[in-house]
Amino acid sequence: MSPGTRAAVLSGRVLPELVRVADVDPELLLTDFAHVDPGLHRRLDEVEVLFTGWGCPLLDADALERMPRLRAVVHAAGSVKHHVTEACWERGLLVSSAAAANAVPVAEYTLAAILFTNKRVLESAHAYRATRAPIDLLRRYPTVGNYRRTVGIVGASLIGRRVLELLRPFDLQVLVHDPYADPVELAALGAETCALDTLLRRSDVVSLHAPALPRTHHLLDASRLALMPDGATLVNTARGSLVDTAALTEELVAGRLHAVLDHTDPEVLPASSPLFNLPNVLLTPHVAGSLGGELDRLAATAVEELERYARGLGFRHAVDPTRLAYSA
């Protein structure tokens, strides 16, 4: 992992547990497998498990050659696509990810966004700040509220499913679009499956939880955004590339739609973007995922997986290589 990742993820609360579970040198940090100090070659010969995080270098065939005893990779973060290669699967390595742990704060952010946007919290706060006087709420916001609103979830991913669980206590109708999900399983979570265009037409709030893949690039283009009802809200905690930014900007500038965007394309919008100042848009700088104390959850999950491995148990959060083609 990168030095910054180690400093952030391996806090004083988690590091003692890692040392208890594994024979590990906490000061040994590898950021490049191609140019390893000669003194570390012997250490790599002995490595059985890699404890990885954001910034892990590529685990290609050349890197694996340096670690003949390597049997598993335990990733203290979400996606493993940035470092686990086909060579790892050919080698038969076991791979675990803390994606389920990272899903928790993203789902919590999403729940808050859905509930707040249906109450028009952002817009009413802007109006109150501007007028600094009583506001006729019933006249200005006659249809606000969460009662019997329809929420559309695009992507029954780990995060998407966690959002479904969090939405269950509320009086909401929940739709889901995911071509790979089991409708019976989603129905058990209180959701109705439907086609994407149907979901867009029916939903008061659309929340994106699909992976960034070639076939999901601009999944919501101008024609699909036009399907959303007037006043509907788009929540994006997934990837900015899922949405045509230019088309969304047109809709938002016109005031027809609302948005809560934790991811955009580009990831940092130009300073001149009107989205920074629109009262119907909440932009956040990629804060939905694990931050601060939430990073302990990632590390603790990875350490628990490492302990399961040490005890000869299977990973609880094993990565299935057959699902990587359509997952994050």
Protein backbone atom coordinates (compact mmCIF):
# COMPACT_ATOMS: atom_id res chain seq x y z
CA MET A 1 0.00 0.00 0.00
CA SER A 2 1.05 3.63 -0.17
CA PRO A 3 2.71 5.31 2.83
CA GLY A 4 -0.33 7.55 3.22
CA THR A 5 -2.63 4.54 3.30
CA ARG A 6 -0.58 2.83 5.98
CA ALA A 7 -0.63 5.96 8.14
CA ALA A 8 -4.39 6.33 7.75
CA VAL A 9 -5.57 2.72 7.88
CA LEU A 10 -3.20 1.02 10.31
CA SER A 11 -4.04 3.13 13.34
CA GLY A 12 -2.90 2.44 16.86
CA ARG A 13 -6.21 0.69 17.52
CA VAL A 14 -5.79 -1.85 14.73
CA LEU A 15 -2.04 -2.38 14.43
CA PRO A 16 -1.71 -4.38 17.69
CA GLU A 17 -4.36 -6.79 16.40
CA LEU A 18 -2.46 -7.25 13.14
CA VAL A 19 0.75 -7.99 15.02
CA ARG A 20 -1.12 -10.45 17.26
CA VAL A 21 -2.56 -12.35 14.31
CA ALA A 22 0.40 -12.43 11.93
CA ASP A 23 4.17 -12.62 11.85
CA VAL A 24 4.56 -9.16 10.37
CA ASP A 25 7.03 -6.31 10.44
CA PRO A 26 4.84 -3.18 10.72
CA GLU A 27 7.70 -1.04 9.41
CA LEU A 28 8.11 -3.05 6.21
CA LEU A 29 6.16 -1.30 3.47
CA LEU A 30 6.38 -2.25 -0.21
CA THR A 31 5.23 0.25 -2.81
CA ASP A 32 7.00 -1.28 -5.82
CA PHE A 33 7.56 -4.95 -6.62
CA ALA A 34 9.70 -4.22 -9.69
CA HIS A 35 12.53 -2.43 -7.86
CA VAL A 36 12.93 -4.22 -4.56
CA ASP A 37 15.92 -3.56 -2.35
CA PRO A 38 18.23 -6.61 -2.51
CA GLY A 39 17.90 -7.02 1.23
CA LEU A 40 14.16 -7.59 0.86
CA HIS A 41 14.35 -10.40 -1.66
CA ARG A 42 14.70 -13.00 1.09
CA ARG A 43 11.71 -11.53 2.90
CA LEU A 44 9.61 -11.80 -0.23
CA ASP A 45 10.61 -15.45 -0.58
CA GLU A 46 8.94 -16.06 2.80
CA VAL A 47 5.73 -14.10 2.26
CA GLU A 48 2.56 -16.20 2.54
CA VAL A 49 -0.03 -13.41 2.69
CA LEU A 50 -0.02 -9.85 1.39
CA PHE A 51 -1.86 -7.27 3.50
CA THR A 52 -2.75 -4.63 0.92
CA GLY A 53 -4.49 -1.26 0.69
CA TRP A 54 -4.91 1.74 -1.58
CA GLY A 55 -1.77 2.26 -3.66
CA CYS A 56 -0.77 -1.40 -3.83
CA PRO A 57 1.46 -1.98 -6.89
CA LEU A 58 0.34 -4.36 -9.61
CA LEU A 59 0.49 -8.05 -8.73
CA ASP A 60 1.47 -9.27 -12.17
CA ALA A 61 3.38 -12.43 -13.11
CA ASP A 62 6.76 -10.77 -12.50
CA ALA A 63 5.74 -9.66 -9.03
CA LEU A 64 4.38 -13.10 -8.15
CA GLU A 65 7.66 -14.73 -9.21
CA ARG A 66 9.34 -12.89 -6.35
CA MET A 67 6.89 -14.46 -3.88
CA PRO A 68 6.91 -18.23 -4.47
CA ARG A 69 5.14 -18.97 -1.16
CA LEU A 70 2.37 -16.42 -1.60
CA ARG A 71 -1.03 -17.98 -1.02
CA ALA A 72 -3.42 -15.12 -0.25
CA VAL A 73 -4.07 -11.40 -0.59
CA VAL A 74 -6.04 -9.60 2.13
CA HIS A 75 -7.13 -6.16 0.94
CA ALA A 76 -8.00 -3.53 3.56
CA ALA A 77 -10.09 -1.54 1.07
CA GLY A 78 -12.76 -2.10 -1.57
CA SER A 79 -12.06 -3.02 -5.18
CA VAL A 80 -9.09 -5.29 -5.93
CA LYS A 81 -9.15 -4.56 -9.66
CA HIS A 82 -6.31 -2.05 -9.38
CA HIS A 83 -3.73 -4.63 -8.26
CA VAL A 84 -5.04 -8.21 -8.53
CA THR A 85 -4.38 -9.48 -12.05
CA GLU A 86 -5.27 -12.60 -14.00
CA ALA A 87 -1.90 -14.03 -12.93
CA CYS A 88 -3.17 -14.10 -9.34
CA TRP A 89 -6.16 -16.22 -10.26
CA GLU A 90 -4.02 -18.50 -12.44
CA ARG A 91 -1.78 -18.99 -9.42
CA GLY A 92 -4.84 -19.97 -7.36
CA LEU A 93 -4.41 -17.20 -4.80
CA LEU A 94 -7.15 -16.60 -2.27
CA VAL A 95 -8.26 -12.97 -2.26
CA SER A 96 -10.31 -11.10 0.34
CA SER A 97 -11.65 -7.55 0.24
CA ALA A 98 -13.06 -5.16 2.82
CA ALA A 99 -15.59 -3.87 0.29
CA ALA A 100 -18.46 -4.86 2.58
CA ALA A 101 -17.01 -2.68 5.33
CA ASN A 102 -16.56 0.24 2.95
CA ALA A 103 -20.17 -0.16 1.84
CA VAL A 104 -21.44 0.86 5.28
CA PRO A 105 -20.58 4.60 5.26
CA VAL A 106 -21.52 4.95 1.58
CA ALA A 107 -24.94 3.47 2.30
CA GLU A 108 -25.34 5.73 5.33
CA TYR A 109 -24.52 8.79 3.22
CA THR A 110 -27.00 7.62 0.60
CA LEU A 111 -29.78 7.14 3.14
CA ALA A 112 -29.19 10.64 4.51
CA ALA A 113 -29.19 12.06 0.97
CA ILE A 114 -32.48 10.37 0.09
CA LEU A 115 -34.27 11.49 3.25
CA PHE A 116 -32.90 15.04 3.09
CA THR A 117 -33.60 15.56 -0.60
CA ASN A 118 -37.21 14.43 -0.30
CA LYS A 119 -37.61 17.01 2.48
CA ARG A 120 -35.92 19.62 0.25
CA VAL A 121 -33.52 20.42 3.10
CA LEU A 122 -30.86 21.94 0.86
CA GLU A 123 -33.22 24.19 -1.07
CA SER A 124 -35.11 25.37 2.01
CA ALA A 125 -31.82 26.15 3.76
CA HIS A 126 -30.71 28.25 0.77
CA ALA A 127 -34.06 30.06 0.74
CA TYR A 128 -33.93 30.71 4.50
CA ARG A 129 -30.38 32.04 4.25
CA ALA A 130 -31.39 34.34 1.41
CA THR A 131 -34.58 35.74 3.00
CA ARG A 132 -33.68 35.57 6.70
CA ALA A 133 -37.40 35.75 7.30
CA PRO A 134 -40.35 33.37 7.71
CA ILE A 135 -41.00 31.13 4.69
CA ASP A 136 -44.42 29.91 3.63
CA LEU A 137 -43.35 26.26 3.57
CA LEU A 138 -46.69 24.81 2.51
CA ARG A 139 -46.88 27.14 -0.47
CA ARG A 140 -43.23 26.85 -1.49
CA TYR A 141 -42.84 23.11 -0.87
CA PRO A 142 -46.32 21.61 -1.20
CA THR A 143 -45.17 18.08 -2.11
CA VAL A 144 -42.13 17.57 0.13
CA GLY A 145 -41.68 14.58 2.41
CA ASN A 146 -40.71 10.92 2.34
CA TYR A 147 -44.11 9.34 2.88
CA ARG A 148 -44.86 6.97 -0.01
CA ARG A 149 -42.16 8.42 -2.22
CA THR A 150 -40.50 6.12 -4.77
CA VAL A 151 -36.78 5.49 -4.62
CA GLY A 152 -34.95 3.80 -7.47
CA ILE A 153 -31.71 1.91 -6.80
CA VAL A 154 -29.54 1.29 -9.86
CA GLY A 155 -27.21 -1.60 -9.04
CA ALA A 156 -27.78 -4.22 -6.34
CA SER A 157 -24.11 -4.13 -5.37
CA LEU A 158 -22.83 -4.51 -1.81
CA ILE A 159 -23.60 -0.84 -1.31
CA GLY A 160 -26.91 -1.03 -3.14
CA ARG A 161 -28.07 -3.93 -0.98
CA ARG A 162 -26.99 -2.15 2.18
CA VAL A 163 -29.04 0.87 1.08
CA LEU A 164 -32.04 -1.43 0.58
CA GLU A 165 -31.65 -2.70 4.13
CA LEU A 166 -31.46 0.84 5.53
CA LEU A 167 -34.55 1.94 3.59
CA ARG A 168 -36.79 -0.82 4.93
CA PRO A 169 -38.06 1.02 8.06
CA PHE A 170 -39.38 3.93 5.99
CA ASP A 171 -42.70 4.33 4.18
CA LEU A 172 -41.11 4.27 0.74
CA GLN A 173 -41.64 2.29 -2.42
CA VAL A 174 -38.30 0.94 -3.58
CA LEU A 175 -37.42 -0.09 -7.14
CA VAL A 176 -34.21 -1.82 -8.22
CA HIS A 177 -32.58 -2.30 -11.58
CA ASP A 178 -29.76 -4.83 -11.83
CA PRO A 179 -29.57 -7.30 -14.73
CA TYR A 180 -27.53 -9.74 -12.64
CA ALA A 181 -29.55 -9.74 -9.41
CA ASP A 182 -32.07 -12.34 -8.27
CA PRO A 183 -35.55 -10.72 -8.16
CA VAL A 184 -36.64 -13.10 -5.39
CA GLU A 185 -33.70 -12.09 -3.24
CA LEU A 186 -34.39 -8.39 -3.83
CA ALA A 187 -38.08 -8.86 -3.08
CA ALA A 188 -37.04 -10.24 0.32
CA LEU A 189 -35.29 -6.90 0.88
CA GLY A 190 -38.53 -5.07 0.12
CA ALA A 191 -37.69 -4.01 -3.43
CA GLU A 192 -39.42 -4.40 -6.78
CA THR A 193 -37.20 -5.13 -9.78
CA CYS A 194 -37.82 -3.38 -13.07
CA ALA A 195 -36.17 -2.16 -16.25
CA LEU A 196 -33.92 0.88 -15.99
CA ASP A 197 -36.15 3.15 -18.09
CA THR A 198 -39.17 2.18 -16.00
CA LEU A 199 -37.26 2.92 -12.81
CA LEU A 200 -36.25 6.35 -14.07
CA ARG A 201 -39.82 7.24 -15.04
CA ARG A 202 -41.30 6.18 -11.70
CA SER A 203 -38.71 7.35 -9.18
CA ASP A 204 -38.67 10.53 -7.12
CA VAL A 205 -35.04 9.77 -6.21
CA VAL A 206 -32.61 7.70 -8.28
CA SER A 207 -29.47 6.46 -6.50
CA LEU A 208 -26.57 4.98 -8.47
CA HIS A 209 -24.65 1.97 -7.16
CA ALA A 210 -23.48 0.30 -10.38
CA PRO A 211 -19.80 -0.33 -11.21
CA ALA A 212 -17.83 1.69 -13.74
CA LEU A 213 -17.57 -0.62 -16.75
CA PRO A 214 -17.42 0.06 -20.49
CA ARG A 215 -21.10 -0.85 -20.81
CA THR A 216 -22.12 1.44 -17.93
CA HIS A 217 -20.30 4.50 -19.30
CA HIS A 218 -22.91 7.28 -19.54
CA LEU A 219 -25.58 4.81 -18.45
CA LEU A 220 -27.61 7.92 -17.73
CA ASP A 221 -27.27 9.95 -20.91
CA ALA A 222 -29.45 12.85 -22.04
CA SER A 223 -32.28 10.60 -23.20
CA ARG A 224 -32.42 8.68 -19.93
CA LEU A 225 -32.12 11.78 -17.76
CA ALA A 226 -35.09 13.16 -19.70
CA LEU A 227 -37.15 10.21 -18.46
CA MET A 228 -36.86 11.36 -14.84
CA PRO A 229 -39.92 13.28 -13.58
CA ASP A 230 -39.73 17.02 -13.03
CA GLY A 231 -38.33 17.68 -9.55
CA ALA A 232 -36.72 14.24 -9.22
CA THR A 233 -33.28 13.88 -7.64
CA LEU A 234 -30.20 11.98 -8.80
CA VAL A 235 -27.84 10.72 -6.09
CA ASN A 236 -24.44 9.50 -7.28
CA THR A 237 -22.06 7.87 -4.81
CA ALA A 238 -20.80 5.42 -7.43
CA ARG A 239 -18.70 6.78 -10.29
CA GLY A 240 -19.04 9.99 -12.25
CA SER A 241 -18.63 8.16 -15.56
CA LEU A 242 -22.07 6.58 -15.12
CA VAL A 243 -23.62 9.95 -15.98
CA ASP A 244 -23.23 12.27 -18.95
CA THR A 245 -22.05 15.34 -17.04
CA ALA A 246 -22.92 17.80 -19.81
CA ALA A 247 -26.46 16.47 -20.10
CA LEU A 248 -26.95 16.44 -16.33
CA THR A 249 -25.62 19.99 -16.07
CA GLU A 250 -28.23 21.16 -18.58
CA GLU A 251 -31.01 19.56 -16.55
CA LEU A 252 -29.74 21.03 -13.29
CA VAL A 253 -29.14 24.54 -14.64
CA ALA A 254 -32.70 24.48 -16.02
CA GLY A 255 -33.89 23.57 -12.53
CA ARG A 256 -35.84 20.54 -13.74
CA LEU A 257 -33.85 18.03 -11.66
CA HIS A 258 -32.01 18.02 -8.36
CA ALA A 259 -28.77 16.20 -7.53
CA VAL A 260 -26.56 15.02 -4.70
CA LEU A 261 -23.19 14.21 -6.26
CA ASP A 262 -20.27 12.68 -4.38
CA HIS A 263 -18.68 11.58 -7.67
CA THR A 264 -18.50 13.55 -10.91
CA ASP A 265 -16.78 13.24 -14.27
CA PRO A 266 -14.20 14.70 -14.17
CA GLU A 267 -13.69 13.80 -10.52
CA VAL A 268 -13.02 17.46 -9.73
CA LEU A 269 -15.25 19.68 -11.82
CA PRO A 270 -13.77 22.81 -13.42
CA ALA A 271 -13.91 25.80 -11.10
CA SER A 272 -16.23 27.44 -13.61
CA SER A 273 -18.84 24.68 -13.36
CA PRO A 274 -22.27 26.08 -12.47
CA LEU A 275 -22.95 23.02 -10.31
CA PHE A 276 -20.94 24.54 -7.46
CA ASN A 277 -23.47 27.34 -7.02
CA LEU A 278 -26.86 25.87 -7.92
CA PRO A 279 -29.35 25.71 -5.04
CA ASN A 280 -30.69 22.38 -6.33
CA VAL A 281 -27.26 20.67 -6.26
CA LEU A 282 -25.20 19.34 -3.37
CA LEU A 283 -21.62 18.58 -4.36
CA THR A 284 -19.35 16.73 -1.93
CA PRO A 285 -15.66 15.86 -2.54
CA HIS A 286 -15.81 12.05 -2.48
CA VAL A 287 -16.64 11.87 1.24
CA ALA A 288 -19.21 9.06 1.16
CA GLY A 289 -16.61 6.29 1.48
CA SER A 290 -14.61 5.41 4.57
CA LEU A 291 -12.86 8.36 6.21
CA GLY A 292 -11.34 9.09 9.60
CA GLY A 293 -12.43 6.60 12.22
CA GLU A 294 -14.33 4.62 9.59
CA LEU A 295 -10.97 3.44 8.23
CA ASP A 296 -10.61 1.34 11.36
CA ARG A 297 -13.56 -0.73 10.13
CA LEU A 298 -11.68 -1.52 6.91
CA ALA A 299 -8.51 -2.54 8.72
CA ALA A 300 -10.38 -4.51 11.39
CA THR A 301 -12.28 -6.41 8.70
CA ALA A 302 -9.01 -7.28 6.93
CA VAL A 303 -7.37 -8.40 10.19
CA GLU A 304 -10.38 -10.62 10.94
CA GLU A 305 -9.99 -12.19 7.51
CA LEU A 306 -6.30 -12.76 8.16
CA GLU A 307 -7.14 -14.46 11.44
CA ARG A 308 -9.64 -16.72 9.69
CA TYR A 309 -6.92 -17.68 7.22
CA ALA A 310 -4.50 -18.42 10.07
CA ARG A 311 -7.10 -20.73 11.62
CA GLY A 312 -7.66 -22.58 8.35
CA LEU A 313 -11.10 -21.06 7.79
CA GLY A 314 -12.39 -19.67 4.53
CA PHE A 315 -12.56 -15.93 3.99
CA ARG A 316 -15.88 -14.37 4.95
CA HIS A 317 -15.40 -11.73 2.25
CA ALA A 318 -13.70 -13.73 -0.48
CA VAL A 319 -13.49 -12.16 -3.94
CA ASP A 320 -15.08 -14.29 -6.65
CA PRO A 321 -13.08 -13.82 -9.88
CA THR A 322 -16.09 -14.84 -11.99
CA ARG A 323 -18.00 -11.76 -10.73
CA LEU A 324 -15.28 -9.21 -11.39
CA ALA A 325 -16.45 -8.63 -14.96
CA TYR A 326 -19.62 -6.95 -13.67
CA SER A 327 -18.64 -5.69 -10.22
CA ALA A 328 -16.60 -2.78 -8.91
